[in-house]
Amino acid sequence: MVGASIQPSAVFTYPPTASDVGITASGAARPSNIFRHNIANHHAYHAGANVKPAPIAMAIQPQQPAQQAQQAQQPPRKNHRNPIHPSIIDKLDPAFVKLYNDYIAPGHLPSTDINVVRSNFSALYSYATAPATGVGGIGETAVPGWEKYPGEINVRVYVPPGEEPGTRKVWPVHFNFHGGGWAVGDLETSAHICHHICASAPCCVIDVEYRLIPEYPFPVGIMDSLSAVAHIIVNHKTFSIDPHNITFGGESSGATIALVLSHMFRDAGTTFASRVKGVVVGTPSISDIRKFNTPEESPWESMRESEHAPLLDWKKLKWFDTFKWMSLAPQQPYQQQPQSAPLNPAAGAGTSPASTHTRRPSYREMSRDVSWYSNLLAAPNFKDLAPLTWIGTAEIDPLRDEAEAYAEQLREAGNNVITKRYPGVPHPFMHMDGVLRQGREYVSDVILQIRGCLYPPQEHNEGEEGGKTNEDEDVMGE
């Protein structure tokens, strides 16, 4: 049996109810009976505390349900220091305009300090994010990154609800890659989407915290992600996943990673390509905007239409792009983290020696590494990619047209491609699913597409629940 079967009525629905996020009628948290460990920091972060979950050994921890459904913050006074540009305001959904004017327009001007941007990025839209759906458990561990720049990266593993105490099921797996223009973002960036996919598909979700530019050279995010996926597939029994039933996904730069990995797995041959059942992404970055000094020079109408779009405009795109090419400066040392001991499920991840700083390869060598990854439209081969590529775009997003052009190029090469444009919203709208109809629709669509990829209709079996037990592992060869 390659694919686990599913009864849709047995999984959580999205948007989640109070029961799904672990809230009883009295408002108290419902304890988990499945796992024993604690991830209080993770929930403190989503409650607004300035903490980040610490990496832990690969023992799946409990999903301690949210203590309360997220409280709506009081809007700040409407002293608009960041008003929506008049050229774009009439194109935006009034619900987004109200949200922006209540929470964003009165705030400080956007920082151009990368460290400040990083510190705030994953909580930027917490006031508009739907409460996370309860999952069975969450764990974090370290896996090898790109071997050219030795070091480890963290991954977070979300396990669906429904496992009996002491029993691990073997789940199909969705690999998620967070967004952030290659330079910001972490395991909290799309955590709420990972929760919903895990509980509602249902499947194991593994979120990859790739290393960032400019500390590491582009395309470190792509190559770290490839390394992580390959390591996890080889060690599929440790992660209790079906290595023959996987999907890739993410938003923004994370969506780009997922699309590139579809090409890479195809190029690795049938044994690898057949594992990938679909790629489900939103608002990817596709072209190389370094070539254009102004929106008028770009071939994409959306670059001109959305030059002044809220939350991601032309200036911010160029700001992020500066870090991409700055990362190739050979005189800038990168922080090397020597590999730890191999992953031992019993003992947990090894301890890395102290980091050292190492000079980068030559600019010529690093430029060769960039290859076509800075412009997916220049990929050498568009044929025979994943069985499904689903791409969601935002109407008020400078990146809209290039994403849709990439989808059309896939289509022309004979691939099965679905695109959907969400009207009246800007680039990061999916992080506002607690308020925006389009955000909720996007998350629902992503869940539906992933479910369809991992549980094709012909594999449904009304007599079984989702997931396999570990007794089935012998049918899942490397």
Protein backbone atom coordinates (compact mmCIF):
# COMPACT_ATOMS: atom_id res chain seq x y z
CA MET A 1 0.00 0.00 0.00
CA VAL A 2 1.66 3.23 -1.13
CA GLY A 3 -0.95 5.87 -0.23
CA ALA A 4 -2.85 6.04 3.04
CA SER A 5 -6.60 6.27 2.72
CA ILE A 6 -8.80 8.91 4.27
CA GLN A 7 -12.32 9.54 5.41
CA PRO A 8 -12.79 13.30 5.01
CA SER A 9 -15.39 13.39 7.76
CA ALA A 10 -12.79 12.16 10.24
CA VAL A 11 -10.43 15.11 9.90
CA PHE A 12 -10.57 18.67 11.16
CA THR A 13 -12.20 21.29 9.01
CA TYR A 14 -10.86 24.71 8.14
CA PRO A 15 -11.44 27.35 9.48
CA PRO A 16 -11.07 25.55 12.81
CA THR A 17 -13.74 25.49 15.48
CA ALA A 18 -13.00 26.05 19.17
CA SER A 19 -12.92 22.27 19.54
CA ASP A 20 -10.33 21.95 16.78
CA VAL A 21 -7.94 24.40 18.42
CA GLY A 22 -8.30 22.61 21.74
CA ILE A 23 -10.66 24.96 23.60
CA THR A 24 -13.39 23.53 25.80
CA ALA A 25 -16.74 25.23 26.32
CA SER A 26 -15.37 26.91 29.44
CA GLY A 27 -12.37 28.28 27.57
CA ALA A 28 -9.85 26.01 29.28
CA ALA A 29 -7.22 24.16 27.28
CA ARG A 30 -7.98 20.51 26.59
CA PRO A 31 -5.01 18.34 27.64
CA SER A 32 -3.41 16.04 25.11
CA ASN A 33 -3.34 12.31 25.85
CA ILE A 34 -1.11 11.44 22.91
CA PHE A 35 2.34 12.87 23.68
CA ARG A 36 4.13 13.88 26.85
CA HIS A 37 6.49 16.71 25.96
CA ASN A 38 5.84 20.44 26.18
CA ILE A 39 6.21 23.17 23.56
CA ALA A 40 5.12 26.16 25.63
CA ASN A 41 7.49 28.51 23.81
CA HIS A 42 5.79 27.78 20.49
CA HIS A 43 2.41 28.82 21.85
CA ALA A 44 3.81 31.79 23.74
CA TYR A 45 5.18 33.03 20.43
CA HIS A 46 1.80 32.80 18.75
CA ALA A 47 0.26 34.56 21.75
CA GLY A 48 2.56 37.50 21.08
CA ALA A 49 5.46 36.87 23.45
CA ASN A 50 8.92 37.70 22.14
CA VAL A 51 10.26 34.17 22.24
CA LYS A 52 11.26 31.59 19.67
CA PRO A 53 11.06 27.80 20.14
CA ALA A 54 14.40 26.26 21.00
CA PRO A 55 15.56 23.30 18.87
CA ILE A 56 14.99 19.99 20.63
CA ALA A 57 15.77 16.34 20.01
CA MET A 58 13.62 14.47 17.53
CA ALA A 59 11.00 13.27 19.97
CA ILE A 60 7.53 14.32 18.86
CA GLN A 61 6.01 16.70 21.37
CA PRO A 62 2.37 17.34 22.19
CA GLN A 63 0.35 20.04 20.53
CA GLN A 64 -0.67 21.91 23.67
CA PRO A 65 -3.85 23.55 22.37
CA ALA A 66 -4.05 27.33 22.32
CA GLN A 67 -5.20 28.74 25.64
CA GLN A 68 -7.68 31.05 23.97
CA ALA A 69 -8.74 31.75 20.43
CA GLN A 70 -6.55 34.70 19.45
CA GLN A 71 -7.90 37.94 20.88
CA ALA A 72 -8.35 40.77 18.42
CA GLN A 73 -6.00 43.59 19.34
CA GLN A 74 -7.36 47.08 19.76
CA PRO A 75 -6.53 49.11 16.66
CA PRO A 76 -4.02 51.88 17.30
CA ARG A 77 -5.01 55.49 16.83
CA LYS A 78 -5.41 56.39 13.19
CA ASN A 79 -2.46 58.70 12.70
CA HIS A 80 -1.57 57.37 9.26
CA ARG A 81 2.17 57.48 8.78
CA ASN A 82 2.00 54.70 6.18
CA PRO A 83 -1.09 55.43 4.08
CA ILE A 84 -2.03 53.25 1.13
CA HIS A 85 -0.89 54.88 -2.10
CA PRO A 86 -3.76 56.61 -3.92
CA SER A 87 -2.91 54.82 -7.18
CA ILE A 88 -3.79 51.45 -5.66
CA ILE A 89 -6.40 51.99 -2.95
CA ASP A 90 -9.47 51.63 -5.20
CA LYS A 91 -8.24 48.23 -6.44
CA LEU A 92 -8.02 46.75 -2.95
CA ASP A 93 -10.76 44.87 -1.15
CA PRO A 94 -12.40 47.26 1.37
CA ALA A 95 -11.89 44.63 4.08
CA PHE A 96 -8.14 44.76 3.51
CA VAL A 97 -8.16 48.58 3.40
CA LYS A 98 -9.88 48.69 6.79
CA LEU A 99 -7.45 46.14 8.22
CA TYR A 100 -4.48 48.10 6.88
CA ASN A 101 -5.78 51.43 8.14
CA ASP A 102 -6.53 50.00 11.58
CA TYR A 103 -3.25 48.20 12.18
CA ILE A 104 -0.53 49.10 9.68
CA ALA A 105 -1.01 52.67 8.51
CA PRO A 106 -0.61 54.15 12.03
CA GLY A 107 2.60 52.20 12.72
CA HIS A 108 6.24 53.10 12.32
CA LEU A 109 7.73 53.48 8.88
CA PRO A 110 9.09 50.14 7.60
CA SER A 111 12.65 49.51 8.74
CA THR A 112 15.50 48.98 6.30
CA ASP A 113 17.61 47.28 8.98
CA ILE A 114 17.63 43.57 8.12
CA ASN A 115 17.96 42.58 11.78
CA VAL A 116 14.91 44.62 12.74
CA VAL A 117 12.93 43.17 9.85
CA ARG A 118 13.91 39.64 10.91
CA SER A 119 12.92 40.19 14.52
CA ASN A 120 9.39 41.24 13.57
CA PHE A 121 8.71 39.34 10.36
CA SER A 122 6.92 36.22 11.57
CA ALA A 123 4.59 38.15 13.87
CA LEU A 124 3.77 40.98 11.44
CA TYR A 125 0.18 39.90 10.84
CA SER A 126 -0.57 38.05 14.08
CA TYR A 127 -3.61 40.29 14.64
CA ALA A 128 -5.15 38.90 11.43
CA THR A 129 -4.12 35.22 11.55
CA ALA A 130 -6.70 32.53 12.25
CA PRO A 131 -6.08 30.40 15.37
CA ALA A 132 -3.94 27.35 14.68
CA THR A 133 -5.79 24.04 14.35
CA GLY A 134 -4.90 21.45 16.96
CA VAL A 135 -2.52 18.77 15.73
CA GLY A 136 -1.37 15.54 17.29
CA GLY A 137 2.20 16.63 18.04
CA ILE A 138 5.08 18.85 17.08
CA GLY A 139 8.81 18.15 17.18
CA GLU A 140 11.97 19.83 16.01
CA THR A 141 15.33 18.43 15.04
CA ALA A 142 18.42 19.33 13.01
CA VAL A 143 19.28 17.88 9.61
CA PRO A 144 22.26 18.49 7.29
CA GLY A 145 22.22 21.60 5.15
CA TRP A 146 23.95 22.15 1.81
CA GLU A 147 27.22 20.24 2.02
CA LYS A 148 29.10 23.01 0.22
CA TYR A 149 28.59 25.17 3.31
CA PRO A 150 28.65 22.56 6.08
CA GLY A 151 26.20 23.00 8.89
CA GLU A 152 22.82 21.91 10.16
CA ILE A 153 19.39 23.44 9.76
CA ASN A 154 16.28 23.00 11.86
CA VAL A 155 13.10 21.33 10.70
CA ARG A 156 9.78 21.26 12.51
CA VAL A 157 7.61 18.15 12.23
CA TYR A 158 3.83 18.39 12.61
CA VAL A 159 2.02 15.09 13.22
CA PRO A 160 -1.76 14.78 12.65
CA PRO A 161 -4.13 13.96 15.49
CA GLY A 162 -5.50 10.47 15.93
CA GLU A 163 -2.50 8.34 16.93
CA GLU A 164 -2.99 5.96 19.81
CA PRO A 165 -0.60 6.25 22.79
CA GLY A 166 2.65 4.45 22.03
CA THR A 167 1.79 3.96 18.34
CA ARG A 168 3.23 5.91 15.42
CA LYS A 169 1.40 5.92 12.12
CA VAL A 170 3.18 6.34 8.80
CA TRP A 171 1.79 9.45 7.14
CA PRO A 172 2.10 10.97 3.70
CA VAL A 173 4.20 14.13 4.00
CA HIS A 174 4.00 17.73 2.87
CA PHE A 175 7.28 19.68 2.89
CA ASN A 176 6.80 23.39 3.55
CA PHE A 177 9.30 26.15 2.82
CA HIS A 178 8.68 29.55 4.41
CA GLY A 179 8.77 32.87 2.59
CA GLY A 180 10.78 35.99 3.32
CA GLY A 181 12.66 37.09 0.22
CA TRP A 182 15.48 34.61 0.98
CA ALA A 183 16.72 36.97 3.72
CA VAL A 184 14.13 36.74 6.52
CA GLY A 185 11.70 34.20 7.93
CA ASP A 186 11.85 31.16 10.20
CA LEU A 187 9.76 28.26 11.45
CA GLU A 188 7.08 30.63 12.76
CA THR A 189 6.49 32.40 9.43
CA SER A 190 3.86 29.99 8.08
CA ALA A 191 3.28 27.93 11.23
CA HIS A 192 -0.46 28.58 11.21
CA ILE A 193 -0.75 27.23 7.64
CA CYS A 194 1.32 24.17 8.58
CA HIS A 195 -1.05 23.46 11.48
CA HIS A 196 -4.10 23.63 9.23
CA ILE A 197 -2.60 21.42 6.51
CA CYS A 198 -1.45 18.82 9.04
CA ALA A 199 -4.80 18.53 10.81
CA SER A 200 -7.10 18.92 7.84
CA ALA A 201 -5.38 17.06 4.98
CA PRO A 202 -4.36 15.09 7.15
CA CYS A 203 -0.64 14.49 6.69
CA CYS A 204 2.70 14.95 8.35
CA VAL A 205 4.00 18.46 7.61
CA ILE A 206 7.74 19.14 7.76
CA ASP A 207 8.71 22.82 7.73
CA VAL A 208 12.31 23.54 6.70
CA GLU A 209 14.29 26.42 8.23
CA TYR A 210 16.84 26.96 5.49
CA ARG A 211 19.75 29.34 5.98
CA LEU A 212 19.38 32.95 4.88
CA ILE A 213 21.15 35.43 2.65
CA PRO A 214 23.35 37.47 2.84
CA GLU A 215 25.16 35.50 5.57
CA TYR A 216 25.13 32.56 3.18
CA PRO A 217 25.22 32.87 -0.62
CA PHE A 218 22.17 32.40 -2.79
CA PRO A 219 20.87 29.75 -3.62
CA VAL A 220 21.51 28.42 -0.11
CA GLY A 221 17.76 28.31 0.61
CA ILE A 222 17.13 26.02 -2.35
CA MET A 223 20.10 23.75 -1.72
CA ASP A 224 19.50 23.53 2.05
CA SER A 225 15.91 22.52 1.33
CA LEU A 226 16.99 19.87 -1.16
CA SER A 227 19.47 18.48 1.36
CA ALA A 228 16.84 18.41 4.11
CA VAL A 229 14.25 16.64 1.96
CA ALA A 230 16.80 14.07 0.75
CA HIS A 231 17.97 13.36 4.32
CA ILE A 232 14.41 12.95 5.59
CA ILE A 233 13.44 10.62 2.73
CA VAL A 234 16.46 8.39 3.41
CA ASN A 235 15.56 8.39 7.12
CA HIS A 236 11.82 8.06 6.56
CA LYS A 237 11.37 5.49 9.34
CA THR A 238 12.75 7.94 11.90
CA PHE A 239 10.22 10.53 10.76
CA SER A 240 7.41 7.98 10.33
CA ILE A 241 6.53 9.17 6.82
CA ASP A 242 5.77 7.50 3.51
CA PRO A 243 8.72 8.49 1.27
CA HIS A 244 6.75 7.65 -1.85
CA ASN A 245 3.88 10.04 -1.16
CA ILE A 246 5.09 13.64 -0.81
CA THR A 247 4.11 17.17 -1.80
CA PHE A 248 6.04 20.45 -1.79
CA GLY A 249 4.65 23.86 -0.90
CA GLY A 250 5.16 27.31 0.53
CA GLU A 251 4.63 30.98 -0.15
CA SER A 252 6.77 33.69 -1.78
CA SER A 253 10.44 32.58 -1.84
CA GLY A 254 9.32 29.32 -0.21
CA ALA A 255 7.02 28.75 -3.17
CA THR A 256 10.00 29.28 -5.47
CA ILE A 257 11.93 26.60 -3.57
CA ALA A 258 9.06 24.14 -3.95
CA LEU A 259 8.87 24.77 -7.71
CA VAL A 260 12.63 24.37 -8.17
CA LEU A 261 12.62 21.11 -6.21
CA SER A 262 10.00 19.75 -8.59
CA HIS A 263 12.50 20.26 -11.43
CA MET A 264 15.33 18.74 -9.37
CA PHE A 265 13.39 15.61 -8.48
CA ARG A 266 12.38 15.16 -12.11
CA ASP A 267 16.03 15.49 -13.15
CA ALA A 268 17.07 12.88 -10.55
CA GLY A 269 15.17 10.16 -12.45
CA THR A 270 11.94 8.23 -12.17
CA THR A 271 12.74 6.78 -8.75
CA PHE A 272 12.73 10.26 -7.25
CA ALA A 273 10.25 11.98 -9.56
CA SER A 274 7.53 9.43 -8.83
CA ARG A 275 7.63 10.31 -5.13
CA VAL A 276 6.36 13.85 -5.73
CA LYS A 277 2.58 13.87 -6.05
CA GLY A 278 2.13 17.62 -6.32
CA VAL A 279 3.44 21.14 -5.78
CA VAL A 280 1.01 23.55 -4.09
CA VAL A 281 2.30 27.12 -3.75
CA GLY A 282 1.30 30.75 -3.40
CA THR A 283 2.72 34.04 -4.76
CA PRO A 284 6.12 32.71 -5.93
CA SER A 285 9.02 34.89 -7.02
CA ILE A 286 9.97 33.79 -10.53
CA SER A 287 12.05 36.29 -12.53
CA ASP A 288 15.34 38.11 -12.01
CA ILE A 289 14.39 41.72 -11.26
CA ARG A 290 18.07 42.69 -11.04
CA LYS A 291 17.81 43.24 -14.79
CA PHE A 292 15.29 46.05 -14.39
CA ASN A 293 15.99 49.44 -12.85
CA THR A 294 12.37 50.57 -12.85
CA PRO A 295 8.97 48.88 -13.12
CA GLU A 296 8.62 50.37 -16.60
CA GLU A 297 11.57 48.28 -17.77
CA SER A 298 9.96 45.07 -16.55
CA PRO A 299 7.94 42.95 -19.01
CA TRP A 300 5.30 42.35 -16.32
CA GLU A 301 2.29 44.64 -16.22
CA SER A 302 1.75 43.75 -12.56
CA MET A 303 5.09 45.37 -11.69
CA ARG A 304 3.73 48.67 -12.98
CA GLU A 305 0.17 48.22 -11.70
CA SER A 306 1.40 47.31 -8.21
CA GLU A 307 4.49 49.51 -8.03
CA HIS A 308 3.06 51.04 -4.85
CA ALA A 309 1.21 47.99 -3.53
CA PRO A 310 0.95 47.75 0.26
CA LEU A 311 3.24 45.32 2.11
CA LEU A 312 5.27 44.38 -0.98
CA ASP A 313 5.98 47.09 -3.51
CA TRP A 314 8.69 47.68 -6.12
CA LYS A 315 11.08 49.31 -3.65
CA LYS A 316 10.83 46.42 -1.21
CA LEU A 317 11.34 43.88 -3.99
CA LYS A 318 14.54 45.65 -5.02
CA TRP A 319 15.63 45.89 -1.37
CA PHE A 320 15.35 42.13 -0.94
CA ASP A 321 17.04 41.56 -4.28
CA THR A 322 20.05 43.60 -3.14
CA PHE A 323 20.74 41.04 -0.41
CA LYS A 324 20.58 38.20 -2.93
CA TRP A 325 23.45 39.58 -4.99
CA MET A 326 25.31 40.97 -1.98
CA SER A 327 25.45 37.39 -0.73
CA LEU A 328 27.79 36.49 -3.61
CA ALA A 329 30.50 38.92 -2.50
CA PRO A 330 33.58 36.66 -2.06
CA GLN A 331 35.22 38.99 0.45
CA GLN A 332 32.36 38.49 2.90
CA PRO A 333 33.02 35.48 5.17
CA TYR A 334 30.19 33.12 5.93
CA GLN A 335 29.56 31.48 9.27
CA GLN A 336 30.51 27.82 9.05
CA GLN A 337 28.86 25.36 11.41
CA PRO A 338 30.65 22.00 11.24
CA GLN A 339 28.43 18.97 10.95
CA SER A 340 27.37 17.34 14.18
CA ALA A 341 27.28 13.63 14.79
CA PRO A 342 24.74 11.72 12.67
CA LEU A 343 21.14 11.85 13.83
CA ASN A 344 20.47 9.24 16.48
CA PRO A 345 16.75 8.94 17.26
CA ALA A 346 17.49 7.46 20.67
CA ALA A 347 20.00 10.09 21.76
CA GLY A 348 18.69 13.06 19.82
CA ALA A 349 20.63 15.33 17.51
CA GLY A 350 24.34 15.70 18.11
CA THR A 351 25.96 18.88 19.34
CA SER A 352 27.74 21.08 16.82
CA PRO A 353 31.20 22.41 17.61
CA ALA A 354 31.64 26.16 17.84
CA SER A 355 31.03 28.05 14.59
CA THR A 356 33.95 29.33 12.58
CA HIS A 357 34.14 31.94 9.83
CA THR A 358 35.34 30.80 6.43
CA ARG A 359 36.01 32.78 3.27
CA ARG A 360 33.62 32.09 0.43
CA PRO A 361 34.46 30.56 -2.95
CA SER A 362 35.18 32.87 -5.86
CA TYR A 363 32.41 34.99 -7.38
CA ARG A 364 32.64 32.93 -10.57
CA GLU A 365 32.03 29.69 -8.67
CA MET A 366 29.14 31.15 -6.70
CA SER A 367 27.62 32.56 -9.90
CA ARG A 368 27.69 29.06 -11.40
CA ASP A 369 25.80 27.84 -8.34
CA VAL A 370 23.06 30.40 -8.99
CA SER A 371 22.36 28.69 -12.33
CA TRP A 372 18.76 29.33 -13.48
CA TYR A 373 17.43 29.54 -9.91
CA SER A 374 17.27 33.35 -10.03
CA ASN A 375 14.94 33.13 -13.04
CA LEU A 376 12.71 30.08 -13.22
CA LEU A 377 11.54 31.04 -16.69
CA ALA A 378 15.05 30.12 -17.85
CA ALA A 379 14.83 26.54 -16.55
CA PRO A 380 16.27 24.17 -19.16
CA ASN A 381 13.36 21.72 -19.17
CA PHE A 382 9.69 22.18 -18.31
CA LYS A 383 8.46 18.70 -19.25
CA ASP A 384 7.31 15.85 -17.00
CA LEU A 385 7.13 17.73 -13.72
CA ALA A 386 4.91 16.86 -10.74
CA PRO A 387 1.47 15.34 -11.51
CA LEU A 388 -0.08 18.62 -10.34
CA THR A 389 1.29 22.14 -9.95
CA TRP A 390 -1.14 24.53 -8.26
CA ILE A 391 -0.16 28.21 -8.08
CA GLY A 392 -2.13 30.88 -6.22
CA THR A 393 -1.48 34.54 -7.04
CA ALA A 394 -2.65 37.84 -5.53
CA GLU A 395 -4.22 40.48 -7.75
CA ILE A 396 -2.36 43.40 -6.09
CA ASP A 397 1.10 41.83 -6.15
CA PRO A 398 4.04 42.91 -8.33
CA LEU A 399 4.94 39.20 -8.67
CA ARG A 400 1.52 38.19 -10.05
CA ASP A 401 2.22 38.15 -13.78
CA GLU A 402 5.55 36.35 -13.68
CA ALA A 403 4.02 33.56 -11.58
CA GLU A 404 1.18 33.19 -14.06
CA ALA A 405 3.65 33.25 -16.97
CA TYR A 406 5.63 30.42 -15.35
CA ALA A 407 2.40 28.45 -14.93
CA GLU A 408 1.61 28.96 -18.61
CA GLN A 409 5.08 27.73 -19.57
CA LEU A 410 4.46 24.58 -17.54
CA ARG A 411 1.12 24.13 -19.27
CA GLU A 412 2.62 24.51 -22.72
CA ALA A 413 5.10 21.75 -21.85
CA GLY A 414 2.22 19.37 -21.15
CA ASN A 415 2.02 19.57 -17.34
CA ASN A 416 -1.17 19.55 -15.28
CA VAL A 417 -1.35 23.10 -13.89
CA ILE A 418 -4.02 24.99 -11.96
CA THR A 419 -3.77 28.72 -11.25
CA LYS A 420 -6.03 30.87 -9.14
CA ARG A 421 -5.86 34.63 -8.72
CA TYR A 422 -7.26 36.06 -5.47
CA PRO A 423 -8.88 39.44 -6.11
CA GLY A 424 -8.27 42.67 -4.22
CA VAL A 425 -5.43 41.51 -1.98
CA PRO A 426 -1.66 42.02 -1.79
CA HIS A 427 1.24 39.56 -1.67
CA PRO A 428 1.03 38.25 1.95
CA PHE A 429 -2.77 37.96 2.15
CA MET A 430 -2.70 34.29 3.20
CA HIS A 431 -1.27 35.34 6.56
CA MET A 432 -4.49 37.29 7.25
CA ASP A 433 -6.87 34.36 7.09
CA GLY A 434 -8.48 35.33 10.38
CA VAL A 435 -9.90 38.49 8.78
CA LEU A 436 -9.75 38.27 5.00
CA ARG A 437 -12.10 36.02 3.04
CA GLN A 438 -9.39 35.54 0.41
CA GLY A 439 -6.93 34.37 3.07
CA ARG A 440 -9.36 31.74 4.35
CA GLU A 441 -10.13 30.68 0.80
CA TYR A 442 -6.42 30.30 0.01
CA VAL A 443 -5.74 28.06 3.03
CA SER A 444 -8.84 25.98 2.24
CA ASP A 445 -7.72 25.63 -1.38
CA VAL A 446 -4.21 24.58 -0.34
CA ILE A 447 -5.61 21.92 2.00
CA LEU A 448 -7.95 20.64 -0.71
CA GLN A 449 -5.17 20.41 -3.32
CA ILE A 450 -2.71 18.69 -0.97
CA ARG A 451 -5.38 16.23 0.12
CA GLY A 452 -6.17 15.44 -3.51
CA CYS A 453 -2.48 14.85 -4.28
CA LEU A 454 -1.74 12.65 -1.27
CA TYR A 455 -5.06 10.78 -1.23
CA PRO A 456 -6.17 10.28 -4.85
CA PRO A 457 -9.82 9.14 -5.13
CA GLN A 458 -8.89 5.71 -6.47
CA GLU A 459 -6.95 4.98 -3.29
CA HIS A 460 -9.83 5.71 -0.92
CA ASN A 461 -10.88 2.79 1.22
CA GLU A 462 -13.94 3.34 3.36
CA GLY A 463 -12.76 0.76 5.87
CA GLU A 464 -9.57 2.54 6.87
CA GLU A 465 -8.54 5.74 8.63
CA GLY A 466 -5.82 8.07 7.37
CA GLY A 467 -2.26 6.94 8.03
CA LYS A 468 -0.59 3.57 8.28
CA THR A 469 0.94 1.92 11.29
CA ASN A 470 4.61 1.11 11.50
CA GLU A 471 3.84 -2.51 10.63
CA ASP A 472 3.43 -1.27 7.03
CA GLU A 473 6.97 0.09 6.79
CA ASP A 474 8.36 -2.95 5.04
CA VAL A 475 6.48 -2.03 1.83
CA MET A 476 8.21 1.36 1.60
CA GLY A 477 11.67 0.74 0.20
CA GLU A 478 14.28 3.45 -0.15
